[in-house]
Amino acid sequence: MNITNQPGAAVRLEWGGEGVTALGRDCAVLIIVDVLSFSTTTDLVVARGGRIRPIRWRDERGAASAREAGAVLAGETQWTLRPSSVTEIPSGTLLALPSPNGATLCATAAETGAHVLAGCLRNASAVAAKASALAGGKPIGVIPAGERWGVDLFNPGEKFGPLRPCVEDQLGAGAIVAALAEDGRSLSAEAALAEAAYSASDVHAALLTCVSGRELATAAHGNDLTLAAQLDVSGSVPVLADGILEAR
């Protein structure tokens, strides 16, 4: 028995790329949670009828593809990883989106053979319902992405630091776990602790005062925080198939 798989629990939780590797062995569904900001941006794009191609952060060819997609698909408009940049994105847009956390983990999770979903606070209940339907009674893995120490968003591939577990992804994962637990599914200790943290928290206040939230506020990106903190306002469920996240 491999205890890192959290055997015996219907809902399991582990952080980052190592979590994808551990839980992908047994789980039928993996839910990638990157609240600030990949999963939130993806929800907003998919809800408007768009699609996302997640790009690995350290893939130089992928980074180039993302830049080219921005030039060809966006035209005069610059869409970015920021949620507020995509609120008016046209339906039908295919946006290549690199990120060191959510996008990279989606690409990694696809290699496990599990169904891959992108979840956040905005679509927590909808994602939980879709995961339940896809799992067919098999375990579901929730993967809070976390942040990376020392990543320079303007120089992809230059530095990729160690994992920093973060408040926003703990809460986003907890919201999804809470929805999954409503029908009595058993939770691993890791999943139960995330659910407890979410249930005990003022989510909006936590996002405003956590390190990631303060970074955005300091950069005058408060609108991104407002969008990311909204709970269950979206029925959008981004599902990864053939390298593309879209509503399915």
Protein backbone atom coordinates (compact mmCIF):
# COMPACT_ATOMS: atom_id res chain seq x y z
CA MET A 1 0.00 0.00 0.00
CA ASN A 2 1.30 3.45 -0.94
CA ILE A 3 0.16 5.78 1.83
CA THR A 4 0.98 8.92 -0.19
CA ASN A 5 -2.05 8.08 -2.35
CA GLN A 6 -4.27 8.65 0.74
CA PRO A 7 -5.94 5.24 0.28
CA GLY A 8 -9.43 4.61 1.55
CA ALA A 9 -10.73 8.15 1.02
CA ALA A 10 -13.18 9.09 -1.72
CA VAL A 11 -11.91 12.69 -1.79
CA ARG A 12 -8.17 13.29 -1.51
CA LEU A 13 -6.00 16.41 -1.52
CA GLU A 14 -2.33 17.08 -2.12
CA TRP A 15 -0.30 20.09 -3.24
CA GLY A 16 1.39 20.90 -6.52
CA GLY A 17 3.13 18.71 -9.05
CA GLU A 18 4.08 16.09 -6.49
CA GLY A 19 0.41 15.90 -5.53
CA VAL A 20 -0.57 15.29 -9.14
CA THR A 21 1.92 12.43 -9.31
CA ALA A 22 0.78 10.90 -6.03
CA LEU A 23 -2.99 11.14 -6.52
CA GLY A 24 -3.00 10.59 -10.26
CA ARG A 25 -2.20 6.93 -9.71
CA ASP A 26 -5.63 6.19 -8.21
CA CYS A 27 -7.96 9.12 -8.82
CA ALA A 28 -10.37 9.15 -11.75
CA VAL A 29 -10.61 12.94 -11.62
CA LEU A 30 -8.02 15.59 -10.73
CA ILE A 31 -9.21 19.13 -9.97
CA ILE A 32 -6.50 21.79 -10.37
CA VAL A 33 -7.07 24.81 -8.09
CA ASP A 34 -5.14 28.02 -8.79
CA VAL A 35 -7.33 30.83 -7.47
CA LEU A 36 -4.84 33.65 -8.14
CA SER A 37 -5.09 33.43 -10.97
CA PHE A 38 -5.10 30.68 -13.63
CA SER A 39 -8.28 28.85 -12.57
CA THR A 40 -10.21 32.07 -12.04
CA THR A 41 -9.18 33.43 -15.44
CA THR A 42 -10.04 30.09 -17.05
CA ASP A 43 -13.50 30.12 -15.48
CA LEU A 44 -14.18 33.61 -16.82
CA VAL A 45 -13.02 32.71 -20.34
CA VAL A 46 -14.93 29.42 -20.50
CA ALA A 47 -18.09 31.01 -19.08
CA ARG A 48 -18.03 33.41 -22.04
CA GLY A 49 -17.73 30.57 -24.54
CA GLY A 50 -13.97 30.70 -24.90
CA ARG A 51 -11.31 28.04 -24.55
CA ILE A 52 -7.93 27.89 -22.84
CA ARG A 53 -4.80 26.04 -23.92
CA PRO A 54 -2.72 25.64 -20.72
CA ILE A 55 0.97 26.15 -21.41
CA ARG A 56 3.76 24.75 -19.28
CA TRP A 57 5.76 27.58 -17.73
CA ARG A 58 9.22 26.24 -18.54
CA ASP A 59 8.39 25.18 -22.09
CA GLU A 60 10.11 27.84 -24.23
CA ARG A 61 8.16 26.76 -27.28
CA GLY A 62 4.95 26.99 -25.25
CA ALA A 63 5.82 30.49 -24.07
CA ALA A 64 6.39 31.53 -27.67
CA SER A 65 3.07 29.97 -28.67
CA ALA A 66 1.32 31.96 -25.98
CA ARG A 67 2.84 35.21 -27.23
CA GLU A 68 1.85 34.38 -30.80
CA ALA A 69 -1.68 33.49 -29.72
CA GLY A 70 -1.96 36.83 -27.98
CA ALA A 71 -0.92 38.63 -31.15
CA VAL A 72 -3.09 36.63 -33.54
CA LEU A 73 -6.21 36.02 -31.48
CA ALA A 74 -6.36 39.10 -29.33
CA GLY A 75 -5.71 41.66 -32.05
CA GLU A 76 -5.55 45.08 -30.45
CA THR A 77 -6.47 43.77 -26.98
CA GLN A 78 -3.91 42.34 -24.57
CA TRP A 79 -5.33 39.42 -22.59
CA THR A 80 -3.20 38.13 -19.76
CA LEU A 81 -3.29 35.81 -16.77
CA ARG A 82 -5.17 38.52 -14.85
CA PRO A 83 -8.91 37.74 -14.46
CA SER A 84 -9.90 41.36 -15.08
CA SER A 85 -8.26 41.26 -18.51
CA VAL A 86 -10.69 38.64 -19.87
CA THR A 87 -14.09 39.82 -18.63
CA GLU A 88 -15.02 40.98 -22.14
CA ILE A 89 -13.24 38.28 -24.14
CA PRO A 90 -15.27 37.30 -27.24
CA SER A 91 -17.00 33.95 -27.39
CA GLY A 92 -15.06 31.41 -29.41
CA THR A 93 -11.62 32.74 -28.50
CA LEU A 94 -8.88 30.16 -28.02
CA LEU A 95 -6.37 31.66 -25.60
CA ALA A 96 -2.98 30.06 -24.99
CA LEU A 97 -2.19 30.81 -21.36
CA PRO A 98 1.10 30.02 -19.62
CA SER A 99 1.41 29.99 -15.83
CA PRO A 100 3.93 28.44 -13.44
CA ASN A 101 1.19 26.80 -11.37
CA GLY A 102 -2.28 26.10 -12.74
CA ALA A 103 -1.43 25.79 -16.44
CA THR A 104 1.66 23.70 -15.77
CA LEU A 105 -0.26 21.38 -13.44
CA CYS A 106 -3.10 20.92 -15.94
CA ALA A 107 -0.58 19.80 -18.55
CA THR A 108 1.05 17.44 -16.03
CA ALA A 109 -2.28 16.05 -14.82
CA ALA A 110 -3.31 15.22 -18.38
CA GLU A 111 -0.47 12.70 -18.50
CA THR A 112 -1.99 10.63 -15.66
CA GLY A 113 -5.04 9.56 -17.67
CA ALA A 114 -7.44 11.13 -15.17
CA HIS A 115 -10.16 13.57 -16.13
CA VAL A 116 -8.74 17.06 -15.47
CA LEU A 117 -10.87 20.01 -14.33
CA ALA A 118 -9.93 23.58 -13.40
CA GLY A 119 -11.63 24.75 -10.21
CA CYS A 120 -11.77 27.93 -8.15
CA LEU A 121 -14.05 29.69 -5.68
CA ARG A 122 -16.27 31.01 -8.47
CA ASN A 123 -17.25 27.56 -9.78
CA ALA A 124 -16.63 25.34 -6.73
CA SER A 125 -20.05 23.64 -6.60
CA ALA A 126 -20.35 23.22 -10.36
CA VAL A 127 -16.89 21.65 -10.56
CA ALA A 128 -17.68 19.31 -7.66
CA ALA A 129 -20.88 18.14 -9.38
CA LYS A 130 -19.07 17.51 -12.67
CA ALA A 131 -16.24 15.68 -10.92
CA SER A 132 -18.76 13.43 -9.18
CA ALA A 133 -20.38 12.56 -12.49
CA LEU A 134 -17.06 11.82 -14.19
CA ALA A 135 -15.58 9.82 -11.31
CA GLY A 136 -18.18 7.06 -11.43
CA GLY A 137 -17.65 6.23 -7.77
CA LYS A 138 -13.85 6.26 -7.99
CA PRO A 139 -11.66 8.64 -5.93
CA ILE A 140 -11.44 12.33 -6.75
CA GLY A 141 -8.21 14.25 -6.19
CA VAL A 142 -8.15 17.98 -5.42
CA ILE A 143 -4.82 19.69 -6.19
CA PRO A 144 -4.25 23.16 -4.72
CA ALA A 145 -1.52 24.55 -6.95
CA GLY A 146 0.26 26.80 -4.49
CA GLU A 147 2.67 29.52 -5.55
CA ARG A 148 6.38 29.36 -6.39
CA TRP A 149 9.06 31.26 -4.58
CA GLY A 150 11.09 33.52 -6.86
CA VAL A 151 9.16 33.11 -10.12
CA ASP A 152 9.59 36.05 -12.48
CA LEU A 153 6.37 36.30 -14.51
CA PHE A 154 8.17 38.39 -17.14
CA ASN A 155 10.94 35.84 -17.78
CA PRO A 156 9.37 32.38 -18.25
CA GLY A 157 11.85 29.61 -17.60
CA GLU A 158 14.42 31.84 -15.90
CA LYS A 159 13.59 30.66 -12.38
CA PHE A 160 11.15 28.13 -10.95
CA GLY A 161 11.42 28.11 -7.18
CA PRO A 162 10.10 25.71 -4.52
CA LEU A 163 6.42 25.39 -3.68
CA ARG A 164 4.79 27.97 -1.39
CA PRO A 165 1.47 26.62 -0.04
CA CYS A 166 -0.91 29.57 -0.13
CA VAL A 167 -4.11 30.71 1.53
CA GLU A 168 -6.13 31.29 -1.64
CA ASP A 169 -5.65 27.79 -3.02
CA GLN A 170 -6.26 26.19 0.38
CA LEU A 171 -9.61 27.98 0.51
CA GLY A 172 -10.51 27.25 -3.10
CA ALA A 173 -9.72 23.58 -2.62
CA GLY A 174 -11.68 23.59 0.65
CA ALA A 175 -14.75 25.03 -1.07
CA ILE A 176 -14.66 22.24 -3.66
CA VAL A 177 -14.09 19.57 -1.00
CA ALA A 178 -17.03 20.94 0.99
CA ALA A 179 -19.28 20.56 -2.05
CA LEU A 180 -17.98 17.04 -2.72
CA ALA A 181 -18.63 16.06 0.91
CA GLU A 182 -22.31 17.02 0.82
CA ASP A 183 -23.36 13.53 -0.33
CA GLY A 184 -21.37 11.81 2.41
CA ARG A 185 -18.13 11.07 0.59
CA SER A 186 -15.26 10.14 2.87
CA LEU A 187 -12.44 12.68 3.08
CA SER A 188 -8.75 12.14 3.62
CA ALA A 189 -7.26 14.08 6.55
CA GLU A 190 -5.70 16.50 4.09
CA ALA A 191 -9.02 17.14 2.34
CA ALA A 192 -10.89 17.45 5.64
CA LEU A 193 -8.46 20.08 6.92
CA ALA A 194 -8.88 22.16 3.75
CA GLU A 195 -12.66 21.93 4.12
CA ALA A 196 -12.44 22.97 7.77
CA ALA A 197 -10.26 25.97 6.91
CA TYR A 198 -12.71 27.08 4.25
CA SER A 199 -15.75 26.64 6.50
CA ALA A 200 -14.14 28.64 9.31
CA SER A 201 -12.88 31.51 7.15
CA ASP A 202 -14.10 34.85 5.93
CA VAL A 203 -12.96 34.06 2.40
CA HIS A 204 -13.02 37.58 1.02
CA ALA A 205 -11.09 38.98 3.99
CA ALA A 206 -8.56 36.15 3.78
CA LEU A 207 -7.89 36.81 0.09
CA LEU A 208 -7.41 40.51 0.75
CA THR A 209 -4.92 40.00 3.58
CA CYS A 210 -2.95 36.95 2.47
CA VAL A 211 0.46 37.37 0.83
CA SER A 212 -0.80 36.76 -2.71
CA GLY A 213 -3.71 39.15 -2.23
CA ARG A 214 -1.46 41.86 -0.87
CA GLU A 215 0.85 41.45 -3.85
CA LEU A 216 -2.04 42.08 -6.21
CA ALA A 217 -3.39 44.98 -4.18
CA THR A 218 0.05 46.58 -4.05
CA ALA A 219 0.20 46.34 -7.85
CA ALA A 220 -3.22 48.04 -8.08
CA HIS A 221 -4.93 44.83 -9.22
CA GLY A 222 -7.76 44.86 -6.67
CA ASN A 223 -10.34 44.02 -9.34
CA ASP A 224 -8.67 40.64 -9.79
CA LEU A 225 -9.14 39.92 -6.10
CA THR A 226 -12.81 40.86 -6.26
CA LEU A 227 -13.41 38.48 -9.17
CA ALA A 228 -11.44 35.65 -7.56
CA ALA A 229 -13.23 35.93 -4.19
CA GLN A 230 -16.74 35.49 -5.61
CA LEU A 231 -18.18 32.15 -4.48
CA ASP A 232 -20.37 29.91 -6.65
CA VAL A 233 -21.30 32.64 -9.11
CA SER A 234 -20.43 30.45 -12.12
CA GLY A 235 -21.81 27.23 -13.51
CA SER A 236 -18.82 26.96 -15.85
CA VAL A 237 -16.79 23.75 -15.63
CA PRO A 238 -13.53 23.81 -17.62
CA VAL A 239 -12.65 20.23 -18.61
CA LEU A 240 -9.34 19.39 -20.29
CA ALA A 241 -9.51 17.36 -23.49
CA ASP A 242 -6.92 17.18 -26.25
CA GLY A 243 -4.91 19.89 -24.52
CA ILE A 244 -7.79 22.39 -24.35
CA LEU A 245 -9.89 23.51 -21.36
CA GLU A 246 -13.48 24.19 -22.33
CA ALA A 247 -17.03 23.60 -21.12
CA ARG A 248 -18.01 19.98 -21.65
